[in-house]
C-alpha cells in the first residue's frame, strides 16, 4: 500500500531545506558584526578582521597602536611603515599572531584593521582597539 503525501508537505520540506541551506551558507561565509554607525568612528568585525575609522591623525593612531602593544605585553615581531600605511605584527602569550594595520586615509581620519590568529578573535580584537583608543 502506497501512502500519498499531500503537496503542501513537499512545499514545506522544500522551504525548510532552503532556509537551512541559507543559514548554513551565512554561517560559513564569515561573521559580520557592526558595532557602530557608518562613517568616522564606525567599527565592523568582518571575516576575522576588526576594522575601524578613527578621527585622529595617522601618526597619533600609529603611536597609540605601538603603546597598546606594549601595554598588553605582546611580543613585537615586526613593524613596516611608510607615510601611508603601517603594519605592526606581534604575538600574544598564547602565541597568537596579532596584526594591526594602520592606514592614512585623510588629514584627521585613520583606518585601523586588527586581526588575531588565523580565523580572528573578536573579543581580543575589541580589547586591542579599546586600548588603542584609550591612548589617543
Foldseek 3Di string as FASTA:
>chain_A
DDDDDDPVVVVVVVVVVVVVVVVVCVVVQWDWDWDDDDDAQTWIQTQQKIKHKHQAALVLLVVLLVVLCVVQVWAWDDWDDDPAKIWTWTAHPVRWIKIWMWGGDDGRMIMIMIGTHDRHDVVVNVVSVVSSVVSD
